[in-house]
Amino acid sequence: MDIPEFVDVLRLLAQGVGAGFVLAFLAEKVGWFQRLPSEKKNIVILALSIGLPILAQVLLQFVPASVWVAIEPYWRALAAGFVGWAGSQAAYLGIIKPAARAAKTDRLLGE
């Protein structure tokens, strides 16, 4: 599995690449965000979409390279864990749930 280095991810984030999409995806998993009215959700995502790229640029500019080297193994472990979780969700939604639905349909139809 080829996981990009943390510094590369920060560089992409500093360019604003996909920040809004990723933030919206992650925020929808959080209860307090789900309870917000639609208009406030848009404002929160907008603020984070602007703030995170700025924060990423500040980190890239002021954090010494030795720090990035030191945290790289932790980043790789975290990223691998996320990829594993995403794979399990894809398997559940793509394989397990449809099979359970099909079994339920078969029971309802008496097959």
PDB file of N, CA and C in Angstrom:
ATOM      1  N   MET A   1       0.855  -1.170   0.000  1.00  0.00           N
ATOM      2  CA  MET A   1       0.000   0.000   0.000  1.00  0.00           C
ATOM      3  C   MET A   1       0.905   1.238   0.000  1.00  0.00           C
ATOM      4  N   ASP A   2       0.636   2.145  -0.884  1.00  0.00           N
ATOM      5  CA  ASP A   2       1.458   3.339  -1.021  1.00  0.00           C
ATOM      6  C   ASP A   2       0.757   4.519  -0.336  1.00  0.00           C
ATOM      7  N   ILE A   3       1.229   4.866   0.850  1.00  0.00           N
ATOM      8  CA  ILE A   3       0.650   5.973   1.615  1.00  0.00           C
ATOM      9  C   ILE A   3       1.532   7.194   1.418  1.00  0.00           C
ATOM     10  N   PRO A   4       0.959   8.319   1.001  1.00  0.00           N
ATOM     11  CA  PRO A   4       1.775   9.524   0.818  1.00  0.00           C
ATOM     12  C   PRO A   4       2.347  10.008   2.147  1.00  0.00           C
ATOM     13  N   GLU A   5       3.504  10.637   2.070  1.00  0.00           N
ATOM     14  CA  GLU A   5       4.104  11.192   3.277  1.00  0.00           C
ATOM     15  C   GLU A   5       3.207  12.298   3.823  1.00  0.00           C
ATOM     16  N   PHE A   6       3.285  12.492   5.136  1.00  0.00           N
ATOM     17  CA  PHE A   6       2.451  13.492   5.800  1.00  0.00           C
ATOM     18  C   PHE A   6       2.688  14.889   5.224  1.00  0.00           C
ATOM     19  N   VAL A   7       3.936  15.204   4.935  1.00  0.00           N
ATOM     20  CA  VAL A   7       4.260  16.519   4.365  1.00  0.00           C
ATOM     21  C   VAL A   7       3.572  16.699   3.016  1.00  0.00           C
ATOM     22  N   ASP A   8       3.505  15.629   2.226  1.00  0.00           N
ATOM     23  CA  ASP A   8       2.817  15.711   0.933  1.00  0.00           C
ATOM     24  C   ASP A   8       1.318  15.950   1.105  1.00  0.00           C
ATOM     25  N   VAL A   9       0.738  15.311   2.124  1.00  0.00           N
ATOM     26  CA  VAL A   9      -0.680  15.521   2.404  1.00  0.00           C
ATOM     27  C   VAL A   9      -0.910  16.975   2.829  1.00  0.00           C
ATOM     28  N   LEU A  10      -0.010  17.506   3.660  1.00  0.00           N
ATOM     29  CA  LEU A  10      -0.128  18.912   4.069  1.00  0.00           C
ATOM     30  C   LEU A  10       0.015  19.847   2.872  1.00  0.00           C
ATOM     31  N   ARG A  11       0.911  19.512   1.955  1.00  0.00           N
ATOM     32  CA  ARG A  11       1.066  20.350   0.744  1.00  0.00           C
ATOM     33  C   ARG A  11      -0.226  20.375  -0.071  1.00  0.00           C
ATOM     34  N   LEU A  12      -0.851  19.210  -0.210  1.00  0.00           N
ATOM     35  CA  LEU A  12      -2.131  19.167  -0.926  1.00  0.00           C
ATOM     36  C   LEU A  12      -3.191  19.959  -0.186  1.00  0.00           C
ATOM     37  N   LEU A  13      -3.224  19.784   1.134  1.00  0.00           N
ATOM     38  CA  LEU A  13      -4.200  20.510   1.944  1.00  0.00           C
ATOM     39  C   LEU A  13      -3.976  22.018   1.856  1.00  0.00           C
ATOM     40  N   ALA A  14      -2.711  22.433   1.842  1.00  0.00           N
ATOM     41  CA  ALA A  14      -2.389  23.860   1.745  1.00  0.00           C
ATOM     42  C   ALA A  14      -2.875  24.445   0.423  1.00  0.00           C
ATOM     43  N   GLN A  15      -3.011  23.605  -0.590  1.00  0.00           N
ATOM     44  CA  GLN A  15      -3.530  24.064  -1.881  1.00  0.00           C
ATOM     45  C   GLN A  15      -5.054  24.027  -1.925  1.00  0.00           C
ATOM     46  N   GLY A  16      -5.655  23.518  -0.851  1.00  0.00           N
ATOM     47  CA  GLY A  16      -7.112  23.440  -0.790  1.00  0.00           C
ATOM     48  C   GLY A  16      -7.689  22.248  -1.534  1.00  0.00           C
ATOM     49  N   VAL A  17      -6.836  21.305  -1.933  1.00  0.00           N
ATOM     50  CA  VAL A  17      -7.284  20.169  -2.737  1.00  0.00           C
ATOM     51  C   VAL A  17      -8.158  19.229  -1.904  1.00  0.00           C
ATOM     52  N   GLY A  18      -9.417  19.159  -2.228  1.00  0.00           N
ATOM     53  CA  GLY A  18     -10.328  18.210  -1.599  1.00  0.00           C
ATOM     54  C   GLY A  18     -10.680  18.491  -0.148  1.00  0.00           C
ATOM     55  N   ALA A  19     -10.246  19.619   0.401  1.00  0.00           N
ATOM     56  CA  ALA A  19     -10.482  19.887   1.823  1.00  0.00           C
ATOM     57  C   ALA A  19     -11.972  19.895   2.143  1.00  0.00           C
ATOM     58  N   GLY A  20     -12.754  20.591   1.352  1.00  0.00           N
ATOM     59  CA  GLY A  20     -14.195  20.672   1.617  1.00  0.00           C
ATOM     60  C   GLY A  20     -14.871  19.321   1.553  1.00  0.00           C
ATOM     61  N   PHE A  21     -14.499  18.520   0.563  1.00  0.00           N
ATOM     62  CA  PHE A  21     -15.096  17.196   0.411  1.00  0.00           C
ATOM     63  C   PHE A  21     -14.772  16.315   1.607  1.00  0.00           C
ATOM     64  N   VAL A  22     -13.485  16.268   1.981  1.00  0.00           N
ATOM     65  CA  VAL A  22     -13.062  15.422   3.099  1.00  0.00           C
ATOM     66  C   VAL A  22     -13.704  15.909   4.399  1.00  0.00           C
ATOM     67  N   LEU A  23     -13.719  17.216   4.597  1.00  0.00           N
ATOM     68  CA  LEU A  23     -14.311  17.769   5.813  1.00  0.00           C
ATOM     69  C   LEU A  23     -15.799  17.449   5.905  1.00  0.00           C
ATOM     70  N   ALA A  24     -16.510  17.613   4.811  1.00  0.00           N
ATOM     71  CA  ALA A  24     -17.945  17.329   4.820  1.00  0.00           C
ATOM     72  C   ALA A  24     -18.192  15.849   5.120  1.00  0.00           C
ATOM     73  N   PHE A  25     -17.378  14.976   4.520  1.00  0.00           N
ATOM     74  CA  PHE A  25     -17.514  13.538   4.768  1.00  0.00           C
ATOM     75  C   PHE A  25     -17.293  13.220   6.243  1.00  0.00           C
ATOM     76  N   LEU A  26     -16.210  13.744   6.811  1.00  0.00           N
ATOM     77  CA  LEU A  26     -15.895  13.460   8.208  1.00  0.00           C
ATOM     78  C   LEU A  26     -16.892  14.116   9.158  1.00  0.00           C
ATOM     79  N   ALA A  27     -17.305  15.336   8.846  1.00  0.00           N
ATOM     80  CA  ALA A  27     -18.220  16.054   9.729  1.00  0.00           C
ATOM     81  C   ALA A  27     -19.572  15.353   9.829  1.00  0.00           C
ATOM     82  N   GLU A  28     -20.013  14.753   8.746  1.00  0.00           N
ATOM     83  CA  GLU A  28     -21.308  14.058   8.768  1.00  0.00           C
ATOM     84  C   GLU A  28     -21.308  12.868   9.715  1.00  0.00           C
ATOM     85  N   LYS A  29     -20.137  12.434  10.139  1.00  0.00           N
ATOM     86  CA  LYS A  29     -20.031  11.312  11.076  1.00  0.00           C
ATOM     87  C   LYS A  29     -20.112  11.777  12.530  1.00  0.00           C
ATOM     88  N   VAL A  30     -20.138  13.099  12.756  1.00  0.00           N
ATOM     89  CA  VAL A  30     -20.105  13.663  14.108  1.00  0.00           C
ATOM     90  C   VAL A  30     -21.504  14.150  14.486  1.00  0.00           C
ATOM     91  N   GLY A  31     -21.962  13.728  15.659  1.00  0.00           N
ATOM     92  CA  GLY A  31     -23.323  14.023  16.091  1.00  0.00           C
ATOM     93  C   GLY A  31     -23.664  15.496  16.161  1.00  0.00           C
ATOM     94  N   TRP A  32     -22.801  16.308  16.747  1.00  0.00           N
ATOM     95  CA  TRP A  32     -23.124  17.735  16.901  1.00  0.00           C
ATOM     96  C   TRP A  32     -23.253  18.407  15.540  1.00  0.00           C
ATOM     97  N   PHE A  33     -22.468  17.947  14.557  1.00  0.00           N
ATOM     98  CA  PHE A  33     -22.548  18.534  13.220  1.00  0.00           C
ATOM     99  C   PHE A  33     -23.855  18.118  12.547  1.00  0.00           C
ATOM    100  N   GLN A  34     -24.268  16.882  12.741  1.00  0.00           N
ATOM    101  CA  GLN A  34     -25.510  16.397  12.141  1.00  0.00           C
ATOM    102  C   GLN A  34     -26.725  17.169  12.635  1.00  0.00           C
ATOM    103  N   ARG A  35     -26.663  17.637  13.874  1.00  0.00           N
ATOM    104  CA  ARG A  35     -27.804  18.356  14.445  1.00  0.00           C
ATOM    105  C   ARG A  35     -27.867  19.823  14.012  1.00  0.00           C
ATOM    106  N   LEU A  36     -26.843  20.322  13.352  1.00  0.00           N
ATOM    107  CA  LEU A  36     -26.861  21.719  12.905  1.00  0.00           C
ATOM    108  C   LEU A  36     -27.835  21.900  11.739  1.00  0.00           C
ATOM    109  N   PRO A  37     -28.459  23.076  11.661  1.00  0.00           N
ATOM    110  CA  PRO A  37     -29.256  23.372  10.471  1.00  0.00           C
ATOM    111  C   PRO A  37     -28.344  23.439   9.234  1.00  0.00           C
ATOM    112  N   SER A  38     -28.916  23.201   8.087  1.00  0.00           N
ATOM    113  CA  SER A  38     -28.164  23.151   6.836  1.00  0.00           C
ATOM    114  C   SER A  38     -27.311  24.404   6.612  1.00  0.00           C
ATOM    115  N   GLU A  39     -27.869  25.574   6.888  1.00  0.00           N
ATOM    116  CA  GLU A  39     -27.138  26.830   6.666  1.00  0.00           C
ATOM    117  C   GLU A  39     -25.884  26.899   7.537  1.00  0.00           C
ATOM    118  N   LYS A  40     -26.000  26.463   8.798  1.00  0.00           N
ATOM    119  CA  LYS A  40     -24.846  26.487   9.695  1.00  0.00           C
ATOM    120  C   LYS A  40     -23.809  25.444   9.284  1.00  0.00           C
ATOM    121  N   LYS A  41     -24.260  24.308   8.777  1.00  0.00           N
ATOM    122  CA  LYS A  41     -23.321  23.304   8.275  1.00  0.00           C
ATOM    123  C   LYS A  41     -22.471  23.899   7.156  1.00  0.00           C
ATOM    124  N   ASN A  42     -23.122  24.620   6.259  1.00  0.00           N
ATOM    125  CA  ASN A  42     -22.392  25.241   5.147  1.00  0.00           C
ATOM    126  C   ASN A  42     -21.345  26.231   5.655  1.00  0.00           C
ATOM    127  N   ILE A  43     -21.687  27.000   6.669  1.00  0.00           N
ATOM    128  CA  ILE A  43     -20.752  27.981   7.218  1.00  0.00           C
ATOM    129  C   ILE A  43     -19.574  27.284   7.891  1.00  0.00           C
ATOM    130  N   VAL A  44     -19.850  26.235   8.655  1.00  0.00           N
ATOM    131  CA  VAL A  44     -18.777  25.495   9.326  1.00  0.00           C
ATOM    132  C   VAL A  44     -17.823  24.894   8.295  1.00  0.00           C
ATOM    133  N   ILE A  45     -18.360  24.250   7.270  1.00  0.00           N
ATOM    134  CA  ILE A  45     -17.515  23.645   6.235  1.00  0.00           C
ATOM    135  C   ILE A  45     -16.735  24.716   5.484  1.00  0.00           C
ATOM    136  N   LEU A  46     -17.358  25.844   5.193  1.00  0.00           N
ATOM    137  CA  LEU A  46     -16.653  26.939   4.523  1.00  0.00           C
ATOM    138  C   LEU A  46     -15.494  27.429   5.386  1.00  0.00           C
ATOM    139  N   ALA A  47     -15.747  27.665   6.672  1.00  0.00           N
ATOM    140  CA  ALA A  47     -14.695  28.150   7.571  1.00  0.00           C
ATOM    141  C   ALA A  47     -13.540  27.153   7.662  1.00  0.00           C
ATOM    142  N   LEU A  48     -13.867  25.884   7.790  1.00  0.00           N
ATOM    143  CA  LEU A  48     -12.817  24.876   7.862  1.00  0.00           C
ATOM    144  C   LEU A  48     -12.085  24.707   6.529  1.00  0.00           C
ATOM    145  N   SER A  49     -12.816  24.850   5.428  1.00  0.00           N
ATOM    146  CA  SER A  49     -12.197  24.732   4.103  1.00  0.00           C
ATOM    147  C   SER A  49     -11.207  25.855   3.838  1.00  0.00           C
ATOM    148  N   ILE A  50     -11.421  26.992   4.467  1.00  0.00           N
ATOM    149  CA  ILE A  50     -10.483  28.114   4.339  1.00  0.00           C
ATOM    150  C   ILE A  50      -9.399  28.015   5.412  1.00  0.00           C
ATOM    151  N   GLY A  51      -9.800  27.665   6.629  1.00  0.00           N
ATOM    152  CA  GLY A  51      -8.858  27.647   7.747  1.00  0.00           C
ATOM    153  C   GLY A  51      -7.829  26.536   7.683  1.00  0.00           C
ATOM    154  N   LEU A  52      -8.231  25.338   7.274  1.00  0.00           N
ATOM    155  CA  LEU A  52      -7.279  24.226   7.235  1.00  0.00           C
ATOM    156  C   LEU A  52      -6.147  24.422   6.229  1.00  0.00           C
ATOM    157  N   PRO A  53      -6.410  24.890   5.017  1.00  0.00           N
ATOM    158  CA  PRO A  53      -5.287  25.156   4.118  1.00  0.00           C
ATOM    159  C   PRO A  53      -4.315  26.210   4.669  1.00  0.00           C
ATOM    160  N   ILE A  54      -4.848  27.217   5.332  1.00  0.00           N
ATOM    161  CA  ILE A  54      -3.970  28.228   5.934  1.00  0.00           C
ATOM    162  C   ILE A  54      -3.145  27.602   7.044  1.00  0.00           C
ATOM    163  N   LEU A  55      -3.776  26.808   7.894  1.00  0.00           N
ATOM    164  CA  LEU A  55      -3.059  26.125   8.962  1.00  0.00           C
ATOM    165  C   LEU A  55      -1.982  25.198   8.393  1.00  0.00           C
ATOM    166  N   ALA A  56      -2.315  24.465   7.346  1.00  0.00           N
ATOM    167  CA  ALA A  56      -1.342  23.561   6.722  1.00  0.00           C
ATOM    168  C   ALA A  56      -0.142  24.340   6.209  1.00  0.00           C
ATOM    169  N   GLN A  57      -0.385  25.491   5.588  1.00  0.00           N
ATOM    170  CA  GLN A  57       0.720  26.308   5.070  1.00  0.00           C
ATOM    171  C   GLN A  57       1.595  26.827   6.211  1.00  0.00           C
ATOM    172  N   VAL A  58       0.981  27.252   7.295  1.00  0.00           N
ATOM    173  CA  VAL A  58       1.742  27.735   8.459  1.00  0.00           C
ATOM    174  C   VAL A  58       2.610  26.603   9.020  1.00  0.00           C
ATOM    175  N   LEU A  59       2.029  25.412   9.133  1.00  0.00           N
ATOM    176  CA  LEU A  59       2.799  24.272   9.637  1.00  0.00           C
ATOM    177  C   LEU A  59       3.977  23.954   8.731  1.00  0.00           C
ATOM    178  N   LEU A  60       3.741  23.939   7.422  1.00  0.00           N
ATOM    179  CA  LEU A  60       4.823  23.657   6.484  1.00  0.00           C
ATOM    180  C   LEU A  60       5.932  24.702   6.563  1.00  0.00           C
ATOM    181  N   GLN A  61       5.548  25.926   6.808  1.00  0.00           N
ATOM    182  CA  GLN A  61       6.512  27.019   6.822  1.00  0.00           C
ATOM    183  C   GLN A  61       7.330  27.065   8.119  1.00  0.00           C
ATOM    184  N   PHE A  62       6.714  26.756   9.255  1.00  0.00           N
ATOM    185  CA  PHE A  62       7.391  27.005  10.528  1.00  0.00           C
ATOM    186  C   PHE A  62       7.835  25.763  11.304  1.00  0.00           C
ATOM    187  N   VAL A  63       7.333  24.589  10.962  1.00  0.00           N
ATOM    188  CA  VAL A  63       7.735  23.373  11.681  1.00  0.00           C
ATOM    189  C   VAL A  63       8.999  22.811  11.024  1.00  0.00           C
ATOM    190  N   PRO A  64      10.047  22.544  11.826  1.00  0.00           N
ATOM    191  CA  PRO A  64      11.297  22.033  11.270  1.00  0.00           C
ATOM    192  C   PRO A  64      11.128  20.656  10.609  1.00  0.00           C
ATOM    193  N   ALA A  65      11.937  20.389   9.614  1.00  0.00           N
ATOM    194  CA  ALA A  65      11.877  19.122   8.881  1.00  0.00           C
ATOM    195  C   ALA A  65      12.078  17.924   9.804  1.00  0.00           C
ATOM    196  N   SER A  66      12.879  18.074  10.838  1.00  0.00           N
ATOM    197  CA  SER A  66      13.132  16.954  11.754  1.00  0.00           C
ATOM    198  C   SER A  66      11.846  16.492  12.456  1.00  0.00           C
ATOM    199  N   VAL A  67      10.931  17.411  12.671  1.00  0.00           N
ATOM    200  CA  VAL A  67       9.649  17.046  13.292  1.00  0.00           C
ATOM    201  C   VAL A  67       8.840  16.174  12.339  1.00  0.00           C
ATOM    202  N   TRP A  68       8.822  16.535  11.069  1.00  0.00           N
ATOM    203  CA  TRP A  68       8.067  15.746  10.091  1.00  0.00           C
ATOM    204  C   TRP A  68       8.648  14.340   9.981  1.00  0.00           C
ATOM    205  N   VAL A  69       9.977  14.233  10.029  1.00  0.00           N
ATOM    206  CA  VAL A  69      10.620  12.918   9.972  1.00  0.00           C
ATOM    207  C   VAL A  69      10.219  12.083  11.190  1.00  0.00           C
ATOM    208  N   ALA A  70      10.160  12.719  12.353  1.00  0.00           N
ATOM    209  CA  ALA A  70       9.833  12.004  13.593  1.00  0.00           C
ATOM    210  C   ALA A  70       8.391  11.501  13.621  1.00  0.00           C
ATOM    211  N   ILE A  71       7.465  12.249  13.051  1.00  0.00           N
ATOM    212  CA  ILE A  71       6.060  11.831  13.121  1.00  0.00           C
ATOM    213  C   ILE A  71       5.631  10.957  11.947  1.00  0.00           C
ATOM    214  N   GLU A  72       6.488  10.783  10.958  1.00  0.00           N
ATOM    215  CA  GLU A  72       6.119  10.012   9.763  1.00  0.00           C
ATOM    216  C   GLU A  72       5.650   8.585  10.090  1.00  0.00           C
ATOM    217  N   PRO A  73       6.318   7.836  10.969  1.00  0.00           N
ATOM    218  CA  PRO A  73       5.821   6.477  11.260  1.00  0.00           C
ATOM    219  C   PRO A  73       4.413   6.483  11.875  1.00  0.00           C
ATOM    220  N   TYR A  74       4.131   7.479  12.688  1.00  0.00           N
ATOM    221  CA  TYR A  74       2.798   7.576  13.303  1.00  0.00           C
ATOM    222  C   TYR A  74       1.744   7.912  12.247  1.00  0.00           C
ATOM    223  N   TRP A  75       2.118   8.798  11.328  1.00  0.00           N
ATOM    224  CA  TRP A  75       1.227   9.142  10.227  1.00  0.00           C
ATOM    225  C   TRP A  75       0.907   7.903   9.401  1.00  0.00           C
ATOM    226  N   ARG A  76       1.921   7.116   9.087  1.00  0.00           N
ATOM    227  CA  ARG A  76       1.703   5.920   8.268  1.00  0.00           C
ATOM    228  C   ARG A  76       0.787   4.929   8.984  1.00  0.00           C
ATOM    229  N   ALA A  77       0.971   4.782  10.291  1.00  0.00           N
ATOM    230  CA  ALA A  77       0.110   3.883  11.062  1.00  0.00           C
ATOM    231  C   ALA A  77      -1.334   4.392  11.066  1.00  0.00           C
ATOM    232  N   LEU A  78      -1.499   5.694  11.274  1.00  0.00           N
ATOM    233  CA  LEU A  78      -2.827   6.293  11.275  1.00  0.00           C
ATOM    234  C   LEU A  78      -3.495   6.157   9.905  1.00  0.00           C
ATOM    235  N   ALA A  79      -2.747   6.452   8.855  1.00  0.00           N
ATOM    236  CA  ALA A  79      -3.297   6.368   7.502  1.00  0.00           C
ATOM    237  C   ALA A  79      -3.667   4.928   7.154  1.00  0.00           C
ATOM    238  N   ALA A  80      -2.813   3.966   7.541  1.00  0.00           N
ATOM    239  CA  ALA A  80      -3.114   2.559   7.266  1.00  0.00           C
ATOM    240  C   ALA A  80      -4.379   2.126   8.019  1.00  0.00           C
ATOM    241  N   GLY A  81      -4.526   2.611   9.244  1.00  0.00           N
ATOM    242  CA  GLY A  81      -5.744   2.308  10.002  1.00  0.00           C
ATOM    243  C   GLY A  81      -6.982   2.866   9.321  1.00  0.00           C
ATOM    244  N   PHE A  82      -6.874   4.083   8.798  1.00  0.00           N
ATOM    245  CA  PHE A  82      -8.001   4.695   8.099  1.00  0.00           C
ATOM    246  C   PHE A  82      -8.343   3.909   6.838  1.00  0.00           C
ATOM    247  N   VAL A  83      -7.322   3.503   6.093  1.00  0.00           N
ATOM    248  CA  VAL A  83      -7.559   2.721   4.871  1.00  0.00           C
ATOM    249  C   VAL A  83      -8.240   1.397   5.217  1.00  0.00           C
ATOM    250  N   GLY A  84      -7.795   0.769   6.315  1.00  0.00           N
ATOM    251  CA  GLY A  84      -8.435  -0.474   6.756  1.00  0.00           C
ATOM    252  C   GLY A  84      -9.893  -0.263   7.119  1.00  0.00           C
ATOM    253  N   TRP A  85     -10.160   0.831   7.845  1.00  0.00           N
ATOM    254  CA  TRP A  85     -11.546   1.148   8.218  1.00  0.00           C
ATOM    255  C   TRP A  85     -12.390   1.395   6.961  1.00  0.00           C
ATOM    256  N   ALA A  86     -11.854   2.192   6.032  1.00  0.00           N
ATOM    257  CA  ALA A  86     -12.600   2.499   4.810  1.00  0.00           C
ATOM    258  C   ALA A  86     -12.884   1.224   4.021  1.00  0.00           C
ATOM    259  N   GLY A  87     -11.916   0.317   3.985  1.00  0.00           N
ATOM    260  CA  GLY A  87     -12.127  -0.960   3.306  1.00  0.00           C
ATOM    261  C   GLY A  87     -13.212  -1.783   3.965  1.00  0.00           C
ATOM    262  N   SER A  88     -13.236  -1.776   5.309  1.00  0.00           N
ATOM    263  CA  SER A  88     -14.273  -2.534   6.010  1.00  0.00           C
ATOM    264  C   SER A  88     -15.646  -1.939   5.750  1.00  0.00           C
ATOM    265  N   GLN A  89     -15.727  -0.619   5.676  1.00  0.00           N
ATOM    266  CA  GLN A  89     -17.011   0.022   5.393  1.00  0.00           C
ATOM    267  C   GLN A  89     -17.474  -0.287   3.974  1.00  0.00           C
ATOM    268  N   ALA A  90     -16.534  -0.273   3.037  1.00  0.00           N
ATOM    269  CA  ALA A  90     -16.884  -0.604   1.653  1.00  0.00           C
ATOM    270  C   ALA A  90     -17.365  -2.043   1.548  1.00  0.00           C
ATOM    271  N   ALA A  91     -16.690  -2.952   2.251  1.00  0.00           N
ATOM    272  CA  ALA A  91     -17.110  -4.357   2.226  1.00  0.00           C
ATOM    273  C   ALA A  91     -18.485  -4.513   2.851  1.00  0.00           C
ATOM    274  N   TYR A  92     -18.706  -3.829   3.973  1.00  0.00           N
ATOM    275  CA  TYR A  92     -20.001  -3.923   4.653  1.00  0.00           C
ATOM    276  C   TYR A  92     -21.117  -3.382   3.772  1.00  0.00           C
ATOM    277  N   LEU A  93     -20.897  -2.201   3.214  1.00  0.00           N
ATOM    278  CA  LEU A  93     -21.947  -1.578   2.405  1.00  0.00           C
ATOM    279  C   LEU A  93     -22.110  -2.246   1.051  1.00  0.00           C
ATOM    280  N   GLY A  94     -21.019  -2.794   0.515  1.00  0.00           N
ATOM    281  CA  GLY A  94     -21.077  -3.378  -0.818  1.00  0.00           C
ATOM    282  C   GLY A  94     -21.370  -4.859  -0.856  1.00  0.00           C
ATOM    283  N   ILE A  95     -21.057  -5.560   0.241  1.00  0.00           N
ATOM    284  CA  ILE A  95     -21.203  -7.018   0.220  1.00  0.00           C
ATOM    285  C   ILE A  95     -22.181  -7.497   1.292  1.00  0.00           C
ATOM    286  N   ILE A  96     -21.925  -7.132   2.513  1.00  0.00           N
ATOM    287  CA  ILE A  96     -22.690  -7.685   3.631  1.00  0.00           C
ATOM    288  C   ILE A  96     -24.118  -7.164   3.636  1.00  0.00           C
ATOM    289  N   LYS A  97     -24.285  -5.856   3.514  1.00  0.00           N
ATOM    290  CA  LYS A  97     -25.640  -5.299   3.559  1.00  0.00           C
ATOM    291  C   LYS A  97     -26.497  -5.798   2.396  1.00  0.00           C
ATOM    292  N   PRO A  98     -25.994  -5.767   1.145  1.00  0.00           N
ATOM    293  CA  PRO A  98     -26.840  -6.286   0.058  1.00  0.00           C
ATOM    294  C   PRO A  98     -27.200  -7.756   0.257  1.00  0.00           C
ATOM    295  N   ALA A  99     -26.266  -8.553   0.784  1.00  0.00           N
ATOM    296  CA  ALA A  99     -26.565  -9.971   1.016  1.00  0.00           C
ATOM    297  C   ALA A  99     -27.635 -10.119   2.092  1.00  0.00           C
ATOM    298  N   ALA A 100     -27.559  -9.304   3.136  1.00  0.00           N
ATOM    299  CA  ALA A 100     -28.576  -9.357   4.190  1.00  0.00           C
ATOM    300  C   ALA A 100     -29.935  -8.929   3.647  1.00  0.00           C
ATOM    301  N   ARG A 101     -29.932  -7.883   2.794  1.00  0.00           N
ATOM    302  CA  ARG A 101     -31.190  -7.436   2.186  1.00  0.00           C
ATOM    303  C   ARG A 101     -31.783  -8.526   1.295  1.00  0.00           C
ATOM    304  N   ALA A 102     -30.926  -9.190   0.535  1.00  0.00           N
ATOM    305  CA  ALA A 102     -31.400 -10.253  -0.353  1.00  0.00           C
ATOM    306  C   ALA A 102     -31.989 -11.400   0.456  1.00  0.00           C
ATOM    307  N   ALA A 103     -31.329 -11.751   1.566  1.00  0.00           N
ATOM    308  CA  ALA A 103     -31.849 -12.831   2.416  1.00  0.00           C
ATOM    309  C   ALA A 103     -33.191 -12.442   3.008  1.00  0.00           C
ATOM    310  N   LYS A 104     -33.329 -11.188   3.423  1.00  0.00           N
ATOM    311  CA  LYS A 104     -34.594 -10.718   3.989  1.00  0.00           C
ATOM    312  C   LYS A 104     -35.689 -10.753   2.925  1.00  0.00           C
ATOM    313  N   THR A 105     -35.370 -10.334   1.720  1.00  0.00           N
ATOM    314  CA  THR A 105     -36.331 -10.361   0.624  1.00  0.00           C
ATOM    315  C   THR A 105     -36.765 -11.796   0.330  1.00  0.00           C
ATOM    316  N   ASP A 106     -35.769 -12.707   0.323  1.00  0.00           N
ATOM    317  CA  ASP A 106     -36.101 -14.123   0.087  1.00  0.00           C
ATOM    318  C   ASP A 106     -37.045 -14.650   1.146  1.00  0.00           C
ATOM    319  N   ARG A 107     -36.805 -14.275   2.422  1.00  0.00           N
ATOM    320  CA  ARG A 107     -37.685 -14.731   3.508  1.00  0.00           C
ATOM    321  C   ARG A 107     -39.096 -14.161   3.317  1.00  0.00           C
ATOM    322  N   LEU A 108     -39.168 -12.889   2.932  1.00  0.00           N
ATOM    323  CA  LEU A 108     -40.476 -12.264   2.739  1.00  0.00           C
ATOM    324  C   LEU A 108     -41.252 -12.901   1.584  1.00  0.00           C
ATOM    325  N   LEU A 109     -40.509 -13.303   0.558  1.00  0.00           N
ATOM    326  CA  LEU A 109     -41.154 -13.921  -0.608  1.00  0.00           C
ATOM    327  C   LEU A 109     -41.379 -15.419  -0.409  1.00  0.00           C
ATOM    328  N   GLY A 110     -40.859 -15.957   0.708  1.00  0.00           N
ATOM    329  CA  GLY A 110     -41.044 -17.371   0.994  1.00  0.00           C
ATOM    330  C   GLY A 110     -40.149 -18.279   0.188  1.00  0.00           C
ATOM    331  N   GLU A 111     -39.045 -17.751  -0.278  1.00  0.00           N
ATOM    332  CA  GLU A 111     -38.126 -18.568  -1.099  1.00  0.00           C
ATOM    333  C   GLU A 111     -37.087 -19.227  -0.243  1.00  0.00           C
TER     334      GLU A 111
END
